[in-house]
Amino acid sequence: VATVAQGCLPGKHLGGDFCLGLVVLIMCRVLQGLSAGGEIGAVVAYLMEASPVGSVGMAVSMIGVGGQISGVLASAMVALLHQGLGSELMLVWGWRVPFLISALRSALAI
């Protein structure tokens, strides 16, 4: 929810120079941090309990590997968007696209 909300942040025309958008952005980032922090412990515990004895370390390390892979894929998506839209459109609305795409991913997860 917080990730999609970042893609829907108001522009400068609605909140003065930065006030409204900045406050909502900070709230979204705090919500993301709390969500990730509350989730990681449960994931580690589940993987440690559900994995075969000889592969517990490998299973738990996949959490970090998944995070790195997602960072690379996100960077690739932004690079493709920037190449396709150009600098001006990326600054106007293109930066919102990756955040809004996460709504599709979330809908599939539910």
N, C-alpha and C. Protein backbone atom coordinates (compact mmCIF):
# COMPACT_ATOMS: atom_id res chain seq x y z
N VAL A 1 0.84 -1.19 0.00
CA VAL A 1 0.00 0.00 0.00
C VAL A 1 0.88 1.25 0.00
N ALA A 2 1.92 1.25 0.84
CA ALA A 2 2.77 2.44 0.91
C ALA A 2 3.54 2.66 -0.38
N THR A 3 3.93 1.58 -1.05
CA THR A 3 4.67 1.72 -2.30
C THR A 3 3.80 2.32 -3.39
N VAL A 4 2.57 1.83 -3.50
CA VAL A 4 1.64 2.38 -4.50
C VAL A 4 1.32 3.83 -4.15
N ALA A 5 1.18 4.13 -2.88
CA ALA A 5 0.88 5.51 -2.48
C ALA A 5 1.99 6.47 -2.90
N GLN A 6 3.23 6.00 -2.92
CA GLN A 6 4.32 6.86 -3.37
C GLN A 6 4.16 7.24 -4.84
N GLY A 7 3.61 6.34 -5.63
CA GLY A 7 3.36 6.65 -7.03
C GLY A 7 2.21 7.61 -7.23
N CYS A 8 1.39 7.79 -6.20
CA CYS A 8 0.23 8.68 -6.28
C CYS A 8 0.44 9.99 -5.53
N LEU A 9 1.67 10.28 -5.14
CA LEU A 9 1.94 11.50 -4.38
C LEU A 9 1.57 12.74 -5.18
N PRO A 10 1.08 13.77 -4.49
CA PRO A 10 0.74 15.00 -5.19
C PRO A 10 2.01 15.71 -5.67
N GLY A 11 1.88 16.41 -6.75
CA GLY A 11 2.99 17.18 -7.28
C GLY A 11 3.12 18.52 -6.57
N LYS A 12 4.02 19.33 -7.07
CA LYS A 12 4.24 20.65 -6.47
C LYS A 12 3.00 21.54 -6.55
N HIS A 13 2.19 21.34 -7.57
CA HIS A 13 1.03 22.21 -7.77
C HIS A 13 -0.04 22.05 -6.69
N LEU A 14 0.00 20.97 -5.91
CA LEU A 14 -1.02 20.76 -4.88
C LEU A 14 -0.56 21.10 -3.47
N GLY A 15 0.72 21.08 -3.22
CA GLY A 15 1.16 21.27 -1.84
C GLY A 15 2.20 22.34 -1.67
N GLY A 16 2.15 23.37 -2.43
CA GLY A 16 3.18 24.38 -2.33
C GLY A 16 4.45 23.86 -2.95
N ASP A 17 5.57 24.21 -2.38
CA ASP A 17 6.84 23.76 -2.94
C ASP A 17 7.07 22.27 -2.72
N PHE A 18 6.86 21.80 -1.50
CA PHE A 18 7.15 20.40 -1.22
C PHE A 18 6.38 19.85 -0.04
N CYS A 19 5.65 20.64 0.66
CA CYS A 19 5.14 20.30 1.98
C CYS A 19 4.26 19.05 2.01
N LEU A 20 3.17 19.03 1.31
CA LEU A 20 2.23 17.92 1.38
C LEU A 20 2.85 16.63 0.85
N GLY A 21 3.47 16.71 -0.32
CA GLY A 21 4.10 15.53 -0.91
C GLY A 21 5.21 14.98 -0.03
N LEU A 22 5.99 15.86 0.57
CA LEU A 22 7.09 15.42 1.43
C LEU A 22 6.58 14.72 2.68
N VAL A 23 5.55 15.25 3.29
CA VAL A 23 4.99 14.64 4.50
C VAL A 23 4.42 13.26 4.19
N VAL A 24 3.69 13.13 3.09
CA VAL A 24 3.12 11.84 2.71
C VAL A 24 4.23 10.86 2.34
N LEU A 25 5.28 11.33 1.66
CA LEU A 25 6.41 10.47 1.32
C LEU A 25 7.08 9.91 2.56
N ILE A 26 7.30 10.76 3.56
CA ILE A 26 7.93 10.30 4.80
C ILE A 26 7.04 9.28 5.50
N MET A 27 5.73 9.51 5.51
CA MET A 27 4.81 8.55 6.13
C MET A 27 4.85 7.21 5.40
N CYS A 28 4.90 7.25 4.08
CA CYS A 28 4.96 6.01 3.29
C CYS A 28 6.25 5.25 3.56
N ARG A 29 7.36 5.95 3.62
CA ARG A 29 8.64 5.30 3.86
C ARG A 29 8.70 4.69 5.27
N VAL A 30 8.14 5.37 6.25
CA VAL A 30 8.09 4.81 7.60
C VAL A 30 7.24 3.55 7.62
N LEU A 31 6.10 3.59 6.95
CA LEU A 31 5.23 2.42 6.86
C LEU A 31 5.94 1.26 6.17
N GLN A 32 6.68 1.53 5.10
CA GLN A 32 7.44 0.48 4.43
C GLN A 32 8.49 -0.12 5.36
N GLY A 33 9.18 0.72 6.09
CA GLY A 33 10.21 0.23 7.01
C GLY A 33 9.63 -0.63 8.12
N LEU A 34 8.52 -0.21 8.68
CA LEU A 34 7.88 -1.00 9.73
C LEU A 34 7.38 -2.33 9.19
N SER A 35 6.84 -2.30 7.97
CA SER A 35 6.34 -3.54 7.36
C SER A 35 7.48 -4.51 7.10
N ALA A 36 8.56 -4.02 6.54
CA ALA A 36 9.70 -4.90 6.23
C ALA A 36 10.33 -5.43 7.52
N GLY A 37 10.44 -4.57 8.52
CA GLY A 37 11.03 -5.00 9.79
C GLY A 37 10.18 -6.04 10.50
N GLY A 38 8.88 -5.92 10.41
CA GLY A 38 8.00 -6.89 11.04
C GLY A 38 7.91 -8.19 10.28
N GLU A 39 8.23 -8.15 9.01
CA GLU A 39 8.11 -9.32 8.15
C GLU A 39 9.36 -10.20 8.18
N ILE A 40 10.52 -9.61 8.28
CA ILE A 40 11.77 -10.35 8.11
C ILE A 40 11.97 -11.40 9.19
N GLY A 41 11.62 -11.10 10.41
CA GLY A 41 11.79 -12.08 11.49
C GLY A 41 10.94 -13.32 11.28
N ALA A 42 9.72 -13.13 10.86
CA ALA A 42 8.83 -14.26 10.62
C ALA A 42 9.31 -15.10 9.44
N VAL A 43 9.82 -14.45 8.41
CA VAL A 43 10.32 -15.19 7.24
C VAL A 43 11.53 -16.02 7.61
N VAL A 44 12.45 -15.45 8.38
CA VAL A 44 13.64 -16.19 8.79
C VAL A 44 13.24 -17.39 9.66
N ALA A 45 12.36 -17.17 10.60
CA ALA A 45 11.92 -18.26 11.47
C ALA A 45 11.24 -19.37 10.67
N TYR A 46 10.40 -18.99 9.72
CA TYR A 46 9.71 -19.99 8.91
C TYR A 46 10.70 -20.79 8.07
N LEU A 47 11.63 -20.11 7.44
CA LEU A 47 12.60 -20.81 6.61
C LEU A 47 13.50 -21.73 7.44
N MET A 48 13.85 -21.30 8.63
CA MET A 48 14.69 -22.15 9.49
C MET A 48 13.93 -23.40 9.93
N GLU A 49 12.65 -23.28 10.18
CA GLU A 49 11.87 -24.43 10.62
C GLU A 49 11.47 -25.35 9.47
N ALA A 50 11.21 -24.78 8.31
CA ALA A 50 10.68 -25.57 7.19
C ALA A 50 11.77 -26.18 6.31
N SER A 51 13.00 -25.69 6.40
CA SER A 51 14.07 -26.19 5.54
C SER A 51 14.65 -27.49 6.07
N PRO A 52 15.12 -28.35 5.16
CA PRO A 52 15.83 -29.55 5.60
C PRO A 52 17.08 -29.17 6.40
N VAL A 53 17.49 -30.05 7.30
CA VAL A 53 18.59 -29.75 8.23
C VAL A 53 19.86 -29.30 7.51
N GLY A 54 20.20 -29.91 6.41
CA GLY A 54 21.45 -29.58 5.74
C GLY A 54 21.43 -28.32 4.91
N SER A 55 20.27 -27.71 4.72
CA SER A 55 20.21 -26.54 3.85
C SER A 55 19.56 -25.33 4.50
N VAL A 56 19.60 -25.25 5.81
CA VAL A 56 19.00 -24.11 6.51
C VAL A 56 19.72 -22.81 6.16
N GLY A 57 21.04 -22.85 6.18
CA GLY A 57 21.81 -21.64 5.86
C GLY A 57 21.55 -21.15 4.45
N MET A 58 21.48 -22.08 3.52
CA MET A 58 21.21 -21.71 2.13
C MET A 58 19.82 -21.09 2.00
N ALA A 59 18.84 -21.69 2.66
CA ALA A 59 17.47 -21.18 2.57
C ALA A 59 17.37 -19.78 3.14
N VAL A 60 17.97 -19.55 4.29
CA VAL A 60 17.89 -18.23 4.93
C VAL A 60 18.68 -17.20 4.12
N SER A 61 19.78 -17.61 3.51
CA SER A 61 20.57 -16.66 2.71
C SER A 61 19.82 -16.21 1.46
N MET A 62 18.85 -16.97 1.03
CA MET A 62 18.07 -16.59 -0.16
C MET A 62 17.25 -15.32 0.08
N ILE A 63 17.02 -14.97 1.33
CA ILE A 63 16.32 -13.71 1.63
C ILE A 63 17.17 -12.54 1.12
N GLY A 64 18.45 -12.55 1.46
CA GLY A 64 19.35 -11.50 0.99
C GLY A 64 19.56 -11.53 -0.51
N VAL A 65 19.67 -12.73 -1.07
CA VAL A 65 19.84 -12.86 -2.51
C VAL A 65 18.62 -12.30 -3.24
N GLY A 66 17.44 -12.60 -2.72
CA GLY A 66 16.22 -12.07 -3.33
C GLY A 66 16.19 -10.55 -3.31
N GLY A 67 16.66 -9.97 -2.22
CA GLY A 67 16.71 -8.51 -2.12
C GLY A 67 17.66 -7.91 -3.14
N GLN A 68 18.80 -8.55 -3.34
CA GLN A 68 19.77 -8.06 -4.32
C GLN A 68 19.24 -8.18 -5.75
N ILE A 69 18.61 -9.32 -6.03
CA ILE A 69 18.03 -9.52 -7.37
C ILE A 69 16.94 -8.49 -7.64
N SER A 70 16.11 -8.21 -6.65
CA SER A 70 15.05 -7.23 -6.86
C SER A 70 15.63 -5.84 -7.09
N GLY A 71 16.74 -5.52 -6.44
CA GLY A 71 17.39 -4.23 -6.68
C GLY A 71 17.91 -4.10 -8.10
N VAL A 72 18.49 -5.18 -8.61
CA VAL A 72 18.99 -5.17 -9.99
C VAL A 72 17.83 -5.04 -10.98
N LEU A 73 16.75 -5.78 -10.75
CA LEU A 73 15.60 -5.71 -11.65
C LEU A 73 14.95 -4.32 -11.61
N ALA A 74 14.88 -3.71 -10.43
CA ALA A 74 14.31 -2.36 -10.33
C ALA A 74 15.17 -1.35 -11.08
N SER A 75 16.49 -1.48 -10.95
CA SER A 75 17.39 -0.57 -11.67
C SER A 75 17.25 -0.74 -13.17
N ALA A 76 17.10 -1.98 -13.62
CA ALA A 76 16.92 -2.24 -15.05
C ALA A 76 15.60 -1.63 -15.54
N MET A 77 14.55 -1.74 -14.74
CA MET A 77 13.27 -1.17 -15.14
C MET A 77 13.36 0.34 -15.27
N VAL A 78 14.01 0.99 -14.32
CA VAL A 78 14.15 2.44 -14.37
C VAL A 78 15.00 2.85 -15.57
N ALA A 79 16.05 2.09 -15.86
CA ALA A 79 16.89 2.40 -17.02
C ALA A 79 16.09 2.28 -18.31
N LEU A 80 15.27 1.24 -18.43
CA LEU A 80 14.45 1.08 -19.63
C LEU A 80 13.41 2.19 -19.76
N LEU A 81 12.80 2.56 -18.64
CA LEU A 81 11.84 3.66 -18.67
C LEU A 81 12.51 4.96 -19.08
N HIS A 82 13.67 5.21 -18.53
CA HIS A 82 14.40 6.45 -18.84
C HIS A 82 14.78 6.48 -20.31
N GLN A 83 15.20 5.35 -20.83
CA GLN A 83 15.57 5.29 -22.24
C GLN A 83 14.34 5.48 -23.13
N GLY A 84 13.23 4.89 -22.75
CA GLY A 84 12.03 4.98 -23.55
C GLY A 84 11.32 6.32 -23.47
N LEU A 85 11.29 6.91 -22.28
CA LEU A 85 10.54 8.16 -22.09
C LEU A 85 11.38 9.41 -22.25
N GLY A 86 12.65 9.32 -21.91
CA GLY A 86 13.50 10.50 -21.93
C GLY A 86 13.51 11.18 -20.58
N SER A 87 14.45 12.07 -20.41
CA SER A 87 14.65 12.73 -19.11
C SER A 87 13.46 13.57 -18.68
N GLU A 88 12.89 14.32 -19.63
CA GLU A 88 11.81 15.24 -19.26
C GLU A 88 10.57 14.51 -18.77
N LEU A 89 10.14 13.49 -19.51
CA LEU A 89 8.95 12.75 -19.09
C LEU A 89 9.20 11.94 -17.82
N MET A 90 10.42 11.48 -17.63
CA MET A 90 10.73 10.76 -16.38
C MET A 90 10.55 11.68 -15.18
N LEU A 91 10.96 12.93 -15.32
CA LEU A 91 10.81 13.88 -14.21
C LEU A 91 9.36 14.27 -13.98
N VAL A 92 8.56 14.32 -15.05
CA VAL A 92 7.17 14.75 -14.93
C VAL A 92 6.31 13.64 -14.34
N TRP A 93 6.30 12.44 -14.97
CA TRP A 93 5.42 11.37 -14.49
C TRP A 93 6.05 9.98 -14.56
N GLY A 94 7.12 9.81 -15.29
CA GLY A 94 7.70 8.48 -15.48
C GLY A 94 8.22 7.85 -14.20
N TRP A 95 8.64 8.66 -13.23
CA TRP A 95 9.15 8.12 -11.98
C TRP A 95 8.06 7.40 -11.19
N ARG A 96 6.80 7.69 -11.50
CA ARG A 96 5.69 7.05 -10.79
C ARG A 96 5.42 5.62 -11.26
N VAL A 97 5.80 5.30 -12.48
CA VAL A 97 5.45 4.01 -13.09
C VAL A 97 5.92 2.81 -12.27
N PRO A 98 7.18 2.73 -11.83
CA PRO A 98 7.60 1.56 -11.05
C PRO A 98 6.79 1.38 -9.76
N PHE A 99 6.43 2.48 -9.12
CA PHE A 99 5.63 2.38 -7.90
C PHE A 99 4.23 1.84 -8.20
N LEU A 100 3.66 2.28 -9.30
CA LEU A 100 2.31 1.84 -9.66
C LEU A 100 2.30 0.40 -10.17
N ILE A 101 3.39 -0.02 -10.81
CA ILE A 101 3.49 -1.41 -11.26
C ILE A 101 3.44 -2.36 -10.07
N SER A 102 3.93 -1.91 -8.94
CA SER A 102 3.91 -2.78 -7.75
C SER A 102 2.48 -3.11 -7.32
N ALA A 103 1.50 -2.32 -7.74
CA ALA A 103 0.09 -2.65 -7.44
C ALA A 103 -0.31 -3.94 -8.14
N LEU A 104 0.17 -4.13 -9.36
CA LEU A 104 -0.12 -5.38 -10.08
C LEU A 104 0.49 -6.59 -9.38
N ARG A 105 1.73 -6.41 -8.95
CA ARG A 105 2.42 -7.48 -8.23
C ARG A 105 1.70 -7.81 -6.93
N SER A 106 1.25 -6.80 -6.24
CA SER A 106 0.53 -7.03 -4.98
C SER A 106 -0.80 -7.73 -5.22
N ALA A 107 -1.48 -7.35 -6.29
CA ALA A 107 -2.76 -7.98 -6.60
C ALA A 107 -2.56 -9.47 -6.93
N LEU A 108 -1.48 -9.78 -7.60
CA LEU A 108 -1.18 -11.19 -7.92
C LEU A 108 -0.83 -11.97 -6.67
N ALA A 109 -0.19 -11.33 -5.70
CA ALA A 109 0.19 -12.01 -4.46
C ALA A 109 -1.01 -12.32 -3.59
N ILE A 110 -2.04 -11.51 -3.69
CA ILE A 110 -3.23 -11.73 -2.86
C ILE A 110 -4.00 -12.87 -3.44
